[in-house]
């Protein structure tokens, strides 16, 4: 009897600890998003762009959804995709006349599929922050999201500015706040049933994410 109570108490503490960690990692993503967005808004205001009012409205709506989603353990994948599409539309305003090439594809049945909030979104945001924004008029990003019966597969590729010194570390590091928070969030949600690889390959930054849906 005492042993059973001990096990129940230990399991409860472990579950509570896991929930607290999950909240911490999700909360890390909110200031990451807000900091990047405020920097973009400041740059837009300096250009005295006529699109500044629209950008403020879009950012307000996007921020409201980010805060709402981050309070949940999971959201629908379709909601995350819609958030990404809204973010890309906002980036087009941020970037102004700076053009870039995008290949954004979603394949498979996303109906009823859930993921931790802001996981994929943050990886896309990083591709813009460290890639598109630093390669004005030469920027490009490829985003391929595939949903299979038992897996979610994401491939993100973006161009990066080459280092002047080949011995230097790539300008995009895998130790950034966004990547680390996403990795911890995935670990809390899927344990070892996911794979996240983020690395530079020459002048390309590559991110590959595989989530085992059966482990959720």
N, C-alpha and C. Protein backbone atom coordinates (compact mmCIF):
# COMPACT_ATOMS: atom_id res chain seq x y z
N UNK A 1 0.83 -1.20 0.00
CA UNK A 1 0.00 0.00 0.00
C UNK A 1 0.87 1.26 0.00
N UNK A 2 1.86 1.27 0.92
CA UNK A 2 2.76 2.42 0.99
C UNK A 2 3.57 2.55 -0.30
N UNK A 3 4.00 1.38 -0.82
CA UNK A 3 4.77 1.39 -2.07
C UNK A 3 3.94 1.94 -3.22
N UNK A 4 2.66 1.55 -3.27
CA UNK A 4 1.77 2.05 -4.33
C UNK A 4 1.60 3.56 -4.22
N UNK A 5 1.42 4.07 -2.98
CA UNK A 5 1.27 5.50 -2.80
C UNK A 5 2.53 6.25 -3.21
N UNK A 6 3.69 5.64 -2.92
CA UNK A 6 4.97 6.25 -3.29
C UNK A 6 5.10 6.36 -4.81
N UNK A 7 4.74 5.27 -5.50
CA UNK A 7 4.84 5.26 -6.95
C UNK A 7 3.89 6.28 -7.57
N UNK A 8 2.67 6.35 -7.01
CA UNK A 8 1.70 7.32 -7.53
C UNK A 8 2.22 8.74 -7.33
N UNK A 9 2.77 9.00 -6.13
CA UNK A 9 3.30 10.33 -5.82
C UNK A 9 4.48 10.67 -6.72
N UNK A 10 5.38 9.70 -6.94
CA UNK A 10 6.54 9.94 -7.79
C UNK A 10 6.13 10.21 -9.23
N UNK A 11 5.16 9.44 -9.73
CA UNK A 11 4.69 9.64 -11.10
C UNK A 11 4.04 11.01 -11.26
N UNK A 12 3.30 11.42 -10.22
CA UNK A 12 2.65 12.73 -10.28
C UNK A 12 3.69 13.84 -10.33
N UNK A 13 4.73 13.73 -9.47
CA UNK A 13 5.79 14.75 -9.46
C UNK A 13 6.51 14.80 -10.79
N UNK A 14 6.75 13.63 -11.39
CA UNK A 14 7.42 13.58 -12.68
C UNK A 14 6.58 14.24 -13.76
N UNK A 15 5.26 13.95 -13.74
CA UNK A 15 4.37 14.54 -14.73
C UNK A 15 4.30 16.06 -14.56
N UNK A 16 4.25 16.51 -13.31
CA UNK A 16 4.21 17.94 -13.04
C UNK A 16 5.49 18.62 -13.48
N UNK A 17 6.63 17.95 -13.25
CA UNK A 17 7.92 18.48 -13.68
C UNK A 17 8.00 18.59 -15.19
N UNK A 18 7.48 17.57 -15.89
CA UNK A 18 7.47 17.58 -17.35
C UNK A 18 6.62 18.73 -17.88
N UNK A 19 5.46 18.95 -17.23
CA UNK A 19 4.58 20.04 -17.65
C UNK A 19 5.24 21.40 -17.44
N UNK A 20 5.95 21.54 -16.30
CA UNK A 20 6.63 22.80 -16.02
C UNK A 20 7.73 23.07 -17.04
N UNK A 21 8.47 22.02 -17.41
CA UNK A 21 9.51 22.17 -18.43
C UNK A 21 8.90 22.56 -19.76
N UNK A 22 7.79 21.93 -20.11
CA UNK A 22 7.12 22.23 -21.38
C UNK A 22 6.71 23.69 -21.44
N UNK A 23 6.17 24.21 -20.33
CA UNK A 23 5.77 25.61 -20.28
C UNK A 23 6.98 26.53 -20.42
N UNK A 24 8.09 26.15 -19.79
CA UNK A 24 9.29 26.96 -19.88
C UNK A 24 9.79 27.07 -21.31
N UNK A 25 9.83 25.95 -22.02
CA UNK A 25 10.35 25.95 -23.38
C UNK A 25 9.42 26.73 -24.31
N UNK A 26 8.10 26.60 -24.10
CA UNK A 26 7.16 27.35 -24.93
C UNK A 26 7.29 28.85 -24.66
N UNK A 27 7.48 29.20 -23.39
CA UNK A 27 7.61 30.62 -23.05
C UNK A 27 8.88 31.23 -23.61
N UNK A 28 9.91 30.42 -23.81
CA UNK A 28 11.14 30.92 -24.43
C UNK A 28 10.90 31.39 -25.85
N UNK A 29 9.94 30.77 -26.54
CA UNK A 29 9.70 31.10 -27.94
C UNK A 29 8.96 32.42 -28.10
N UNK A 30 8.17 32.83 -27.10
CA UNK A 30 7.41 34.07 -27.22
C UNK A 30 8.31 35.30 -27.31
N UNK A 31 9.28 35.51 -26.38
CA UNK A 31 10.16 36.68 -26.53
C UNK A 31 11.03 36.60 -27.77
N UNK A 32 11.39 35.39 -28.19
CA UNK A 32 12.17 35.22 -29.41
C UNK A 32 11.38 35.79 -30.59
N UNK A 33 10.11 35.44 -30.69
CA UNK A 33 9.24 35.94 -31.75
C UNK A 33 9.06 37.45 -31.65
N UNK A 34 8.78 37.94 -30.42
CA UNK A 34 8.48 39.35 -30.22
C UNK A 34 9.70 40.22 -30.52
N UNK A 35 10.87 39.80 -30.06
CA UNK A 35 12.10 40.55 -30.29
C UNK A 35 12.37 40.71 -31.79
N UNK A 36 12.25 39.62 -32.52
CA UNK A 36 12.48 39.68 -33.97
C UNK A 36 11.47 40.60 -34.65
N UNK A 37 10.21 40.51 -34.24
CA UNK A 37 9.15 41.30 -34.87
C UNK A 37 9.32 42.79 -34.59
N UNK A 38 9.68 43.15 -33.36
CA UNK A 38 9.87 44.56 -33.03
C UNK A 38 11.06 45.14 -33.80
N UNK A 39 12.10 44.35 -33.98
CA UNK A 39 13.24 44.81 -34.79
C UNK A 39 12.81 45.08 -36.23
N UNK A 40 11.99 44.18 -36.76
CA UNK A 40 11.50 44.35 -38.13
C UNK A 40 10.62 45.59 -38.25
N UNK A 41 9.76 45.80 -37.25
CA UNK A 41 8.86 46.95 -37.27
C UNK A 41 9.66 48.26 -37.18
N UNK A 42 10.71 48.26 -36.38
CA UNK A 42 11.57 49.44 -36.25
C UNK A 42 12.23 49.77 -37.59
N UNK A 43 12.75 48.73 -38.26
CA UNK A 43 13.39 48.94 -39.56
C UNK A 43 12.40 49.48 -40.58
N UNK A 44 11.16 48.99 -40.53
CA UNK A 44 10.12 49.45 -41.46
C UNK A 44 9.80 50.92 -41.21
N UNK A 45 9.73 51.31 -39.95
CA UNK A 45 9.42 52.70 -39.62
C UNK A 45 10.53 53.64 -40.07
N UNK A 46 11.78 53.17 -40.03
CA UNK A 46 12.89 54.00 -40.49
C UNK A 46 12.80 54.28 -41.99
N UNK A 47 12.23 53.32 -42.72
CA UNK A 47 12.06 53.53 -44.16
C UNK A 47 10.86 54.42 -44.47
N UNK A 48 10.10 54.77 -43.41
CA UNK A 48 8.88 55.56 -43.56
C UNK A 48 7.94 54.94 -44.59
N UNK A 49 7.83 53.62 -44.51
CA UNK A 49 7.01 52.88 -45.45
C UNK A 49 5.53 53.14 -45.22
N UNK A 50 4.78 53.26 -46.33
CA UNK A 50 3.33 53.44 -46.24
C UNK A 50 2.64 52.18 -45.73
N UNK A 51 3.37 51.07 -45.71
CA UNK A 51 2.78 49.82 -45.26
C UNK A 51 2.95 49.59 -43.76
N UNK A 52 3.53 50.56 -43.06
CA UNK A 52 3.73 50.42 -41.62
C UNK A 52 2.43 50.18 -40.87
N UNK A 53 1.34 50.94 -41.12
CA UNK A 53 0.08 50.66 -40.40
C UNK A 53 -0.43 49.24 -40.63
N UNK A 54 -0.36 48.74 -41.87
CA UNK A 54 -0.80 47.38 -42.15
C UNK A 54 0.07 46.37 -41.41
N UNK A 55 1.37 46.64 -41.37
CA UNK A 55 2.29 45.74 -40.68
C UNK A 55 1.97 45.68 -39.19
N UNK A 56 1.62 46.82 -38.60
CA UNK A 56 1.28 46.86 -37.17
C UNK A 56 0.03 46.03 -36.90
N UNK A 57 -0.97 46.16 -37.76
CA UNK A 57 -2.21 45.39 -37.59
C UNK A 57 -1.94 43.89 -37.74
N UNK A 58 -1.19 43.52 -38.78
CA UNK A 58 -0.87 42.11 -39.00
C UNK A 58 -0.06 41.55 -37.83
N UNK A 59 0.91 42.34 -37.36
CA UNK A 59 1.74 41.89 -36.25
C UNK A 59 0.91 41.71 -34.99
N UNK A 60 -0.01 42.61 -34.75
CA UNK A 60 -0.89 42.50 -33.58
C UNK A 60 -1.71 41.22 -33.63
N UNK A 61 -2.28 40.94 -34.81
CA UNK A 61 -3.08 39.71 -34.96
C UNK A 61 -2.22 38.46 -34.80
N UNK A 62 -1.02 38.52 -35.38
CA UNK A 62 -0.11 37.37 -35.30
C UNK A 62 0.33 37.13 -33.86
N UNK A 63 0.66 38.21 -33.16
CA UNK A 63 1.11 38.08 -31.77
C UNK A 63 0.00 37.51 -30.88
N UNK A 64 -1.22 37.93 -31.14
CA UNK A 64 -2.36 37.41 -30.36
C UNK A 64 -2.48 35.89 -30.54
N UNK A 65 -2.30 35.43 -31.76
CA UNK A 65 -2.38 33.99 -32.02
C UNK A 65 -1.21 33.24 -31.43
N UNK A 66 -0.01 33.83 -31.51
CA UNK A 66 1.18 33.20 -30.94
C UNK A 66 1.01 33.01 -29.43
N UNK A 67 0.54 34.04 -28.75
CA UNK A 67 0.33 33.95 -27.29
C UNK A 67 -0.73 32.92 -26.96
N UNK A 68 -1.81 32.92 -27.74
CA UNK A 68 -2.90 31.96 -27.50
C UNK A 68 -2.43 30.53 -27.71
N UNK A 69 -1.72 30.29 -28.81
CA UNK A 69 -1.25 28.93 -29.11
C UNK A 69 -0.23 28.43 -28.10
N UNK A 70 0.65 29.34 -27.65
CA UNK A 70 1.73 28.92 -26.76
C UNK A 70 1.22 28.49 -25.39
N UNK A 71 -0.03 28.78 -25.09
CA UNK A 71 -0.62 28.35 -23.82
C UNK A 71 -1.14 26.92 -23.88
N UNK A 72 -1.12 26.36 -25.07
CA UNK A 72 -1.65 25.01 -25.24
C UNK A 72 -0.51 24.00 -25.35
N UNK A 73 -0.79 22.76 -24.99
CA UNK A 73 0.21 21.71 -25.12
C UNK A 73 0.43 21.36 -26.59
N UNK A 74 -0.65 21.32 -27.36
CA UNK A 74 -0.56 21.05 -28.80
C UNK A 74 -1.57 21.92 -29.54
N UNK A 75 -1.31 22.13 -30.81
CA UNK A 75 -2.28 22.78 -31.69
C UNK A 75 -2.36 21.95 -32.96
N UNK A 76 -3.40 22.19 -33.75
CA UNK A 76 -3.53 21.49 -35.02
C UNK A 76 -2.41 21.93 -35.97
N UNK A 77 -1.90 20.99 -36.74
CA UNK A 77 -0.87 21.32 -37.72
C UNK A 77 -1.39 22.36 -38.71
N UNK A 78 -2.66 22.28 -39.04
CA UNK A 78 -3.25 23.26 -39.97
C UNK A 78 -3.19 24.67 -39.38
N UNK A 79 -3.31 24.80 -38.06
CA UNK A 79 -3.20 26.11 -37.41
C UNK A 79 -1.76 26.62 -37.48
N UNK A 80 -0.81 25.72 -37.29
CA UNK A 80 0.61 26.11 -37.38
C UNK A 80 0.94 26.55 -38.81
N UNK A 81 0.40 25.84 -39.80
CA UNK A 81 0.65 26.21 -41.20
C UNK A 81 0.06 27.58 -41.51
N UNK A 82 -1.16 27.83 -41.02
CA UNK A 82 -1.80 29.14 -41.24
C UNK A 82 -0.98 30.25 -40.58
N UNK A 83 -0.41 29.96 -39.42
CA UNK A 83 0.43 30.93 -38.72
C UNK A 83 1.68 31.24 -39.55
N UNK A 84 2.26 30.20 -40.12
CA UNK A 84 3.46 30.38 -40.97
C UNK A 84 3.12 31.22 -42.20
N UNK A 85 1.99 30.94 -42.83
CA UNK A 85 1.58 31.70 -44.02
C UNK A 85 1.37 33.17 -43.68
N UNK A 86 0.78 33.43 -42.52
CA UNK A 86 0.57 34.82 -42.09
C UNK A 86 1.90 35.49 -41.80
N UNK A 87 2.83 34.76 -41.23
CA UNK A 87 4.16 35.30 -40.94
C UNK A 87 4.89 35.63 -42.24
N UNK A 88 4.81 34.76 -43.23
CA UNK A 88 5.48 35.01 -44.52
C UNK A 88 4.91 36.25 -45.18
N UNK A 89 3.58 36.43 -45.10
CA UNK A 89 2.95 37.63 -45.66
C UNK A 89 3.49 38.88 -44.97
N UNK A 90 3.70 38.78 -43.66
CA UNK A 90 4.24 39.91 -42.91
C UNK A 90 5.70 40.17 -43.29
N UNK A 91 6.45 39.10 -43.50
CA UNK A 91 7.85 39.25 -43.91
C UNK A 91 7.96 39.97 -45.26
N UNK A 92 7.04 39.72 -46.15
CA UNK A 92 7.07 40.40 -47.45
C UNK A 92 6.94 41.91 -47.26
N UNK A 93 6.18 42.31 -46.24
CA UNK A 93 6.08 43.74 -45.92
C UNK A 93 7.37 44.23 -45.30
N UNK A 94 7.92 43.46 -44.35
CA UNK A 94 9.18 43.85 -43.70
C UNK A 94 10.27 44.08 -44.74
N UNK A 95 10.35 43.16 -45.70
CA UNK A 95 11.46 43.17 -46.65
C UNK A 95 11.31 44.25 -47.73
N UNK A 96 10.10 44.77 -47.91
CA UNK A 96 9.89 45.85 -48.86
C UNK A 96 10.26 45.45 -50.28
N UNK A 97 11.18 46.18 -50.87
CA UNK A 97 11.59 45.92 -52.25
C UNK A 97 12.61 44.79 -52.36
N UNK A 98 13.06 44.29 -51.26
CA UNK A 98 14.02 43.18 -51.28
C UNK A 98 13.29 41.89 -51.67
N UNK A 99 13.67 41.32 -52.79
CA UNK A 99 12.97 40.15 -53.31
C UNK A 99 13.66 38.86 -52.88
N UNK A 100 12.90 37.78 -52.89
CA UNK A 100 13.46 36.47 -52.57
C UNK A 100 12.62 35.41 -53.27
N UNK A 101 13.18 34.23 -53.40
CA UNK A 101 12.50 33.11 -54.04
C UNK A 101 12.04 32.13 -52.96
N UNK A 102 10.78 31.70 -53.05
CA UNK A 102 10.25 30.79 -52.06
C UNK A 102 9.61 29.58 -52.72
N UNK A 103 9.86 28.41 -52.13
CA UNK A 103 9.21 27.17 -52.53
C UNK A 103 8.60 26.56 -51.27
N UNK A 104 7.30 26.78 -51.09
CA UNK A 104 6.60 26.33 -49.88
C UNK A 104 5.56 25.28 -50.29
N UNK A 105 5.79 24.04 -49.87
CA UNK A 105 4.89 22.95 -50.24
C UNK A 105 4.45 22.17 -49.00
N UNK A 106 3.16 21.84 -48.98
CA UNK A 106 2.61 20.98 -47.93
C UNK A 106 1.93 19.80 -48.61
N UNK A 107 2.35 18.59 -48.26
CA UNK A 107 1.79 17.39 -48.87
C UNK A 107 1.28 16.44 -47.79
N UNK A 108 0.23 15.70 -48.12
CA UNK A 108 -0.32 14.74 -47.18
C UNK A 108 -1.55 15.30 -46.48
N UNK A 109 -2.18 14.47 -45.68
CA UNK A 109 -3.40 14.83 -44.98
C UNK A 109 -3.07 15.41 -43.61
N UNK A 110 -3.28 16.72 -43.45
CA UNK A 110 -2.99 17.39 -42.17
C UNK A 110 -4.18 17.36 -41.22
N UNK A 111 -5.30 16.84 -41.67
CA UNK A 111 -6.52 16.84 -40.87
C UNK A 111 -6.32 16.04 -39.57
N UNK A 112 -6.57 16.70 -38.45
CA UNK A 112 -6.50 16.03 -37.16
C UNK A 112 -5.11 15.82 -36.62
N UNK A 113 -4.07 16.29 -37.33
CA UNK A 113 -2.69 16.13 -36.87
C UNK A 113 -2.33 17.27 -35.92
N UNK A 114 -1.74 16.94 -34.77
CA UNK A 114 -1.38 17.95 -33.78
C UNK A 114 0.11 17.93 -33.52
N UNK A 115 0.65 19.10 -33.16
CA UNK A 115 2.07 19.23 -32.82
C UNK A 115 2.19 20.26 -31.69
N UNK A 116 3.33 20.29 -30.99
CA UNK A 116 3.57 21.36 -30.01
C UNK A 116 3.60 22.70 -30.73
N UNK A 117 3.01 23.73 -30.15
CA UNK A 117 2.92 25.02 -30.85
C UNK A 117 4.27 25.68 -31.10
N UNK A 118 4.39 26.30 -32.26
CA UNK A 118 5.52 27.13 -32.67
C UNK A 118 6.79 26.34 -32.99
N UNK A 119 6.70 25.03 -33.06
CA UNK A 119 7.90 24.25 -33.37
C UNK A 119 8.35 24.48 -34.81
N UNK A 120 7.46 24.23 -35.76
CA UNK A 120 7.81 24.44 -37.17
C UNK A 120 7.91 25.92 -37.48
N UNK A 121 7.01 26.71 -36.93
CA UNK A 121 7.01 28.15 -37.15
C UNK A 121 8.38 28.76 -36.82
N UNK A 122 8.95 28.40 -35.68
CA UNK A 122 10.22 28.97 -35.25
C UNK A 122 11.36 28.63 -36.21
N UNK A 123 11.33 27.43 -36.75
CA UNK A 123 12.35 27.03 -37.72
C UNK A 123 12.25 27.86 -39.00
N UNK A 124 11.02 28.18 -39.40
CA UNK A 124 10.82 29.03 -40.59
C UNK A 124 11.27 30.46 -40.30
N UNK A 125 10.94 30.95 -39.12
CA UNK A 125 11.34 32.30 -38.73
C UNK A 125 12.86 32.43 -38.75
N UNK A 126 13.56 31.41 -38.29
CA UNK A 126 15.02 31.43 -38.31
C UNK A 126 15.57 31.50 -39.73
N UNK A 127 14.90 30.81 -40.67
CA UNK A 127 15.35 30.81 -42.06
C UNK A 127 15.29 32.22 -42.64
N UNK A 128 14.28 32.99 -42.23
CA UNK A 128 14.17 34.37 -42.70
C UNK A 128 15.18 35.27 -41.99
N UNK A 129 15.28 35.12 -40.67
CA UNK A 129 16.15 36.00 -39.89
C UNK A 129 17.61 35.85 -40.29
N UNK A 130 18.07 34.61 -40.43
CA UNK A 130 19.49 34.36 -40.68
C UNK A 130 19.82 34.17 -42.16
N UNK A 131 18.79 33.98 -42.98
CA UNK A 131 19.03 33.74 -44.40
C UNK A 131 18.52 34.86 -45.30
N UNK A 132 17.20 34.91 -45.49
CA UNK A 132 16.58 35.87 -46.42
C UNK A 132 17.00 37.30 -46.11
N UNK A 133 16.97 37.67 -44.82
CA UNK A 133 17.23 39.06 -44.44
C UNK A 133 18.68 39.47 -44.67
N UNK A 134 19.57 38.50 -44.75
CA UNK A 134 20.99 38.81 -44.93
C UNK A 134 21.46 38.57 -46.36
N UNK A 135 20.52 38.23 -47.23
CA UNK A 135 20.86 37.98 -48.64
C UNK A 135 19.91 38.79 -49.52
N UNK A 136 19.89 40.08 -49.33
CA UNK A 136 18.94 40.93 -50.04
C UNK A 136 19.01 40.73 -51.55
N UNK A 137 17.84 40.42 -52.13
CA UNK A 137 17.67 40.18 -53.57
C UNK A 137 18.34 38.91 -54.07
N UNK A 138 19.02 38.20 -53.19
CA UNK A 138 19.60 36.91 -53.55
C UNK A 138 19.08 35.80 -52.64
N UNK A 139 18.12 36.15 -51.80
CA UNK A 139 17.63 35.21 -50.81
C UNK A 139 16.68 34.17 -51.40
N UNK A 140 16.70 33.00 -50.81
CA UNK A 140 15.77 31.95 -51.22
C UNK A 140 15.54 31.02 -50.04
N UNK A 141 14.38 30.40 -50.02
CA UNK A 141 14.05 29.45 -48.96
C UNK A 141 13.16 28.36 -49.53
N UNK A 142 13.45 27.14 -49.15
CA UNK A 142 12.64 25.98 -49.54
C UNK A 142 12.04 25.37 -48.27
N UNK A 143 10.72 25.21 -48.26
CA UNK A 143 10.02 24.62 -47.12
C UNK A 143 9.13 23.50 -47.64
N UNK A 144 9.48 22.28 -47.32
CA UNK A 144 8.69 21.12 -47.73
C UNK A 144 8.20 20.40 -46.47
N UNK A 145 6.89 20.34 -46.31
CA UNK A 145 6.27 19.67 -45.16
C UNK A 145 5.43 18.52 -45.67
N UNK A 146 5.74 17.31 -45.21
CA UNK A 146 5.04 16.11 -45.67
C UNK A 146 4.48 15.37 -44.46
N UNK A 147 3.20 15.04 -44.54
CA UNK A 147 2.55 14.25 -43.49
C UNK A 147 2.25 12.87 -44.02
N UNK A 148 2.83 11.86 -43.36
CA UNK A 148 2.57 10.48 -43.72
C UNK A 148 1.74 9.82 -42.61
N UNK A 149 1.43 8.55 -42.78
CA UNK A 149 0.60 7.87 -41.81
C UNK A 149 1.17 7.93 -40.40
N UNK A 150 2.47 7.77 -40.28
CA UNK A 150 3.08 7.69 -38.96
C UNK A 150 4.14 8.75 -38.69
N UNK A 151 4.37 9.66 -39.65
CA UNK A 151 5.45 10.63 -39.48
C UNK A 151 5.09 12.00 -40.04
N UNK A 152 5.74 13.01 -39.47
CA UNK A 152 5.72 14.37 -40.01
C UNK A 152 7.15 14.68 -40.44
N UNK A 153 7.33 15.04 -41.70
CA UNK A 153 8.66 15.31 -42.25
C UNK A 153 8.75 16.77 -42.69
N UNK A 154 9.78 17.45 -42.22
CA UNK A 154 9.98 18.84 -42.60
C UNK A 154 11.40 19.04 -43.12
N UNK A 155 11.49 19.69 -44.27
CA UNK A 155 12.79 20.05 -44.84
C UNK A 155 12.81 21.54 -45.10
N UNK A 156 13.77 22.24 -44.50
CA UNK A 156 13.92 23.68 -44.71
C UNK A 156 15.35 23.93 -45.21
N UNK A 157 15.46 24.66 -46.30
CA UNK A 157 16.75 25.05 -46.84
C UNK A 157 16.71 26.55 -47.14
N UNK A 158 17.78 27.25 -46.79
CA UNK A 158 17.88 28.67 -47.16
C UNK A 158 19.32 29.04 -47.41
N UNK A 159 19.50 30.01 -48.30
CA UNK A 159 20.85 30.48 -48.59
C UNK A 159 21.36 31.36 -47.46
N UNK A 160 22.66 31.33 -47.23
CA UNK A 160 23.28 32.19 -46.23
C UNK A 160 24.48 32.89 -46.84
N UNK A 161 24.84 34.03 -46.27
CA UNK A 161 26.01 34.75 -46.75
C UNK A 161 27.26 33.97 -46.39
N UNK A 162 28.18 33.77 -47.34
CA UNK A 162 29.41 33.03 -47.03
C UNK A 162 30.32 33.81 -46.10
N UNK A 163 31.04 33.08 -45.24
CA UNK A 163 32.03 33.70 -44.37
C UNK A 163 33.25 34.11 -45.19
N UNK A 164 33.85 35.23 -44.87
CA UNK A 164 35.07 35.66 -45.58
C UNK A 164 36.22 34.71 -45.30
N UNK A 165 36.22 34.17 -44.08
CA UNK A 165 37.26 33.23 -43.68
C UNK A 165 36.65 31.85 -43.59
N UNK A 166 37.13 30.91 -44.37
CA UNK A 166 36.55 29.57 -44.38
C UNK A 166 36.68 28.84 -43.06
N UNK A 167 37.55 29.35 -42.17
CA UNK A 167 37.72 28.69 -40.88
C UNK A 167 36.69 29.17 -39.87
N UNK A 168 35.93 30.21 -40.23
CA UNK A 168 34.92 30.73 -39.31
C UNK A 168 33.72 29.81 -39.27
N UNK A 169 32.99 29.92 -38.16
CA UNK A 169 31.76 29.17 -38.02
C UNK A 169 30.69 29.83 -38.87
N UNK A 170 29.79 29.05 -39.41
CA UNK A 170 28.70 29.60 -40.22
C UNK A 170 27.94 30.66 -39.43
N UNK A 171 27.44 31.72 -40.11
CA UNK A 171 26.72 32.77 -39.41
C UNK A 171 25.46 32.28 -38.71
N UNK A 172 24.95 31.13 -39.07
CA UNK A 172 23.79 30.57 -38.39
C UNK A 172 24.29 29.45 -37.49
N UNK A 173 24.03 29.55 -36.23
CA UNK A 173 24.52 28.54 -35.29
C UNK A 173 23.37 27.70 -34.78
N UNK A 174 23.66 26.43 -34.53
CA UNK A 174 22.63 25.52 -34.03
C UNK A 174 22.37 25.74 -32.55
N UNK A 175 23.12 26.65 -31.93
CA UNK A 175 22.96 26.90 -30.50
C UNK A 175 22.10 28.12 -30.23
N UNK A 176 21.42 28.66 -31.25
CA UNK A 176 20.58 29.82 -31.05
C UNK A 176 19.39 29.51 -30.17
N UNK A 177 18.79 30.58 -29.62
CA UNK A 177 17.66 30.43 -28.72
C UNK A 177 16.52 29.67 -29.37
N UNK A 178 16.17 30.03 -30.61
CA UNK A 178 15.03 29.40 -31.27
C UNK A 178 15.23 27.91 -31.46
N UNK A 179 16.36 27.52 -32.02
CA UNK A 179 16.64 26.10 -32.27
C UNK A 179 16.67 25.32 -30.97
N UNK A 180 17.32 25.87 -29.95
CA UNK A 180 17.42 25.18 -28.67
C UNK A 180 16.06 24.99 -28.02
N UNK A 181 15.22 26.03 -28.07
CA UNK A 181 13.89 25.94 -27.46
C UNK A 181 13.05 24.90 -28.19
N UNK A 182 13.14 24.87 -29.51
CA UNK A 182 12.39 23.88 -30.29
C UNK A 182 12.87 22.47 -29.95
N UNK A 183 14.18 22.31 -29.85
CA UNK A 183 14.73 20.98 -29.53
C UNK A 183 14.24 20.49 -28.16
N UNK A 184 14.25 21.38 -27.18
CA UNK A 184 13.79 21.01 -25.84
C UNK A 184 12.30 20.72 -25.82
N UNK A 185 11.56 21.50 -26.60
CA UNK A 185 10.11 21.28 -26.67
C UNK A 185 9.79 19.92 -27.29
N UNK A 186 10.51 19.58 -28.35
CA UNK A 186 10.32 18.28 -28.99
C UNK A 186 10.71 17.14 -28.06
N UNK A 187 11.79 17.35 -27.31
CA UNK A 187 12.24 16.32 -26.38
C UNK A 187 11.20 16.08 -25.29
N UNK A 188 10.58 17.16 -24.82
CA UNK A 188 9.56 17.02 -23.78
C UNK A 188 8.31 16.32 -24.31
N UNK A 189 8.01 16.55 -25.59
CA UNK A 189 6.78 16.01 -26.16
C UNK A 189 6.94 14.62 -26.74
N UNK A 190 8.13 14.34 -27.32
CA UNK A 190 8.31 13.09 -28.06
C UNK A 190 9.45 12.20 -27.56
N UNK A 191 10.16 12.68 -26.51
CA UNK A 191 11.31 11.93 -26.00
C UNK A 191 12.30 11.65 -27.15
N UNK A 192 12.59 10.41 -27.39
CA UNK A 192 13.56 10.07 -28.44
C UNK A 192 12.90 9.75 -29.79
N UNK A 193 11.61 10.04 -29.90
CA UNK A 193 10.89 9.68 -31.12
C UNK A 193 10.80 10.86 -32.08
N UNK A 194 11.89 11.56 -32.23
CA UNK A 194 11.98 12.64 -33.20
C UNK A 194 13.45 12.80 -33.59
N UNK A 195 13.67 13.49 -34.70
CA UNK A 195 15.04 13.78 -35.14
C UNK A 195 15.07 15.20 -35.68
N UNK A 196 15.93 16.03 -35.11
CA UNK A 196 16.10 17.41 -35.57
C UNK A 196 17.57 17.64 -35.88
N UNK A 197 17.84 17.98 -37.12
CA UNK A 197 19.21 18.22 -37.55
C UNK A 197 19.27 19.59 -38.20
N UNK A 198 20.11 20.46 -37.68
CA UNK A 198 20.27 21.81 -38.23
C UNK A 198 21.76 22.05 -38.43
N UNK A 199 22.16 22.29 -39.68
CA UNK A 199 23.59 22.44 -39.94
C UNK A 199 23.82 23.22 -41.23
N UNK A 200 25.00 23.88 -41.33
CA UNK A 200 25.37 24.55 -42.57
C UNK A 200 25.98 23.56 -43.55
N UNK A 201 25.66 23.73 -44.83
CA UNK A 201 26.27 22.94 -45.90
C UNK A 201 26.74 23.96 -46.94
N UNK A 202 27.98 24.36 -46.84
CA UNK A 202 28.46 25.41 -47.73
C UNK A 202 27.71 26.71 -47.48
N UNK A 203 27.11 27.26 -48.53
CA UNK A 203 26.36 28.50 -48.41
C UNK A 203 24.86 28.24 -48.25
N UNK A 204 24.55 27.06 -47.77
CA UNK A 204 23.15 26.68 -47.53
C UNK A 204 23.00 26.25 -46.07
N UNK A 205 21.91 26.68 -45.45
CA UNK A 205 21.62 26.19 -44.10
C UNK A 205 20.46 25.21 -44.22
N UNK A 206 20.66 24.02 -43.65
CA UNK A 206 19.70 22.93 -43.81
C UNK A 206 19.12 22.52 -42.46
N UNK A 207 17.81 22.38 -42.44
CA UNK A 207 17.11 21.88 -41.25
C UNK A 207 16.23 20.71 -41.67
N UNK A 208 16.38 19.60 -40.98
CA UNK A 208 15.55 18.42 -41.23
C UNK A 208 14.91 17.99 -39.91
N UNK A 209 13.60 17.84 -39.95
CA UNK A 209 12.86 17.42 -38.76
C UNK A 209 11.98 16.23 -39.11
N UNK A 210 12.08 15.19 -38.30
CA UNK A 210 11.22 14.01 -38.44
C UNK A 210 10.55 13.76 -37.10
N UNK A 211 9.24 13.72 -37.09
CA UNK A 211 8.48 13.45 -35.87
C UNK A 211 7.70 12.17 -36.04
N UNK A 212 7.86 11.27 -35.09
CA UNK A 212 7.11 10.02 -35.08
C UNK A 212 5.75 10.28 -34.44
N UNK A 213 4.71 10.35 -35.25
CA UNK A 213 3.39 10.68 -34.73
C UNK A 213 2.87 9.64 -33.75
N UNK A 214 3.28 8.41 -33.89
CA UNK A 214 2.79 7.33 -33.03
C UNK A 214 3.30 7.49 -31.60
N UNK A 215 4.34 8.31 -31.43
CA UNK A 215 4.91 8.51 -30.09
C UNK A 215 4.24 9.65 -29.34
N UNK A 216 3.38 10.40 -30.02
CA UNK A 216 2.76 11.56 -29.39
C UNK A 216 1.75 11.13 -28.34
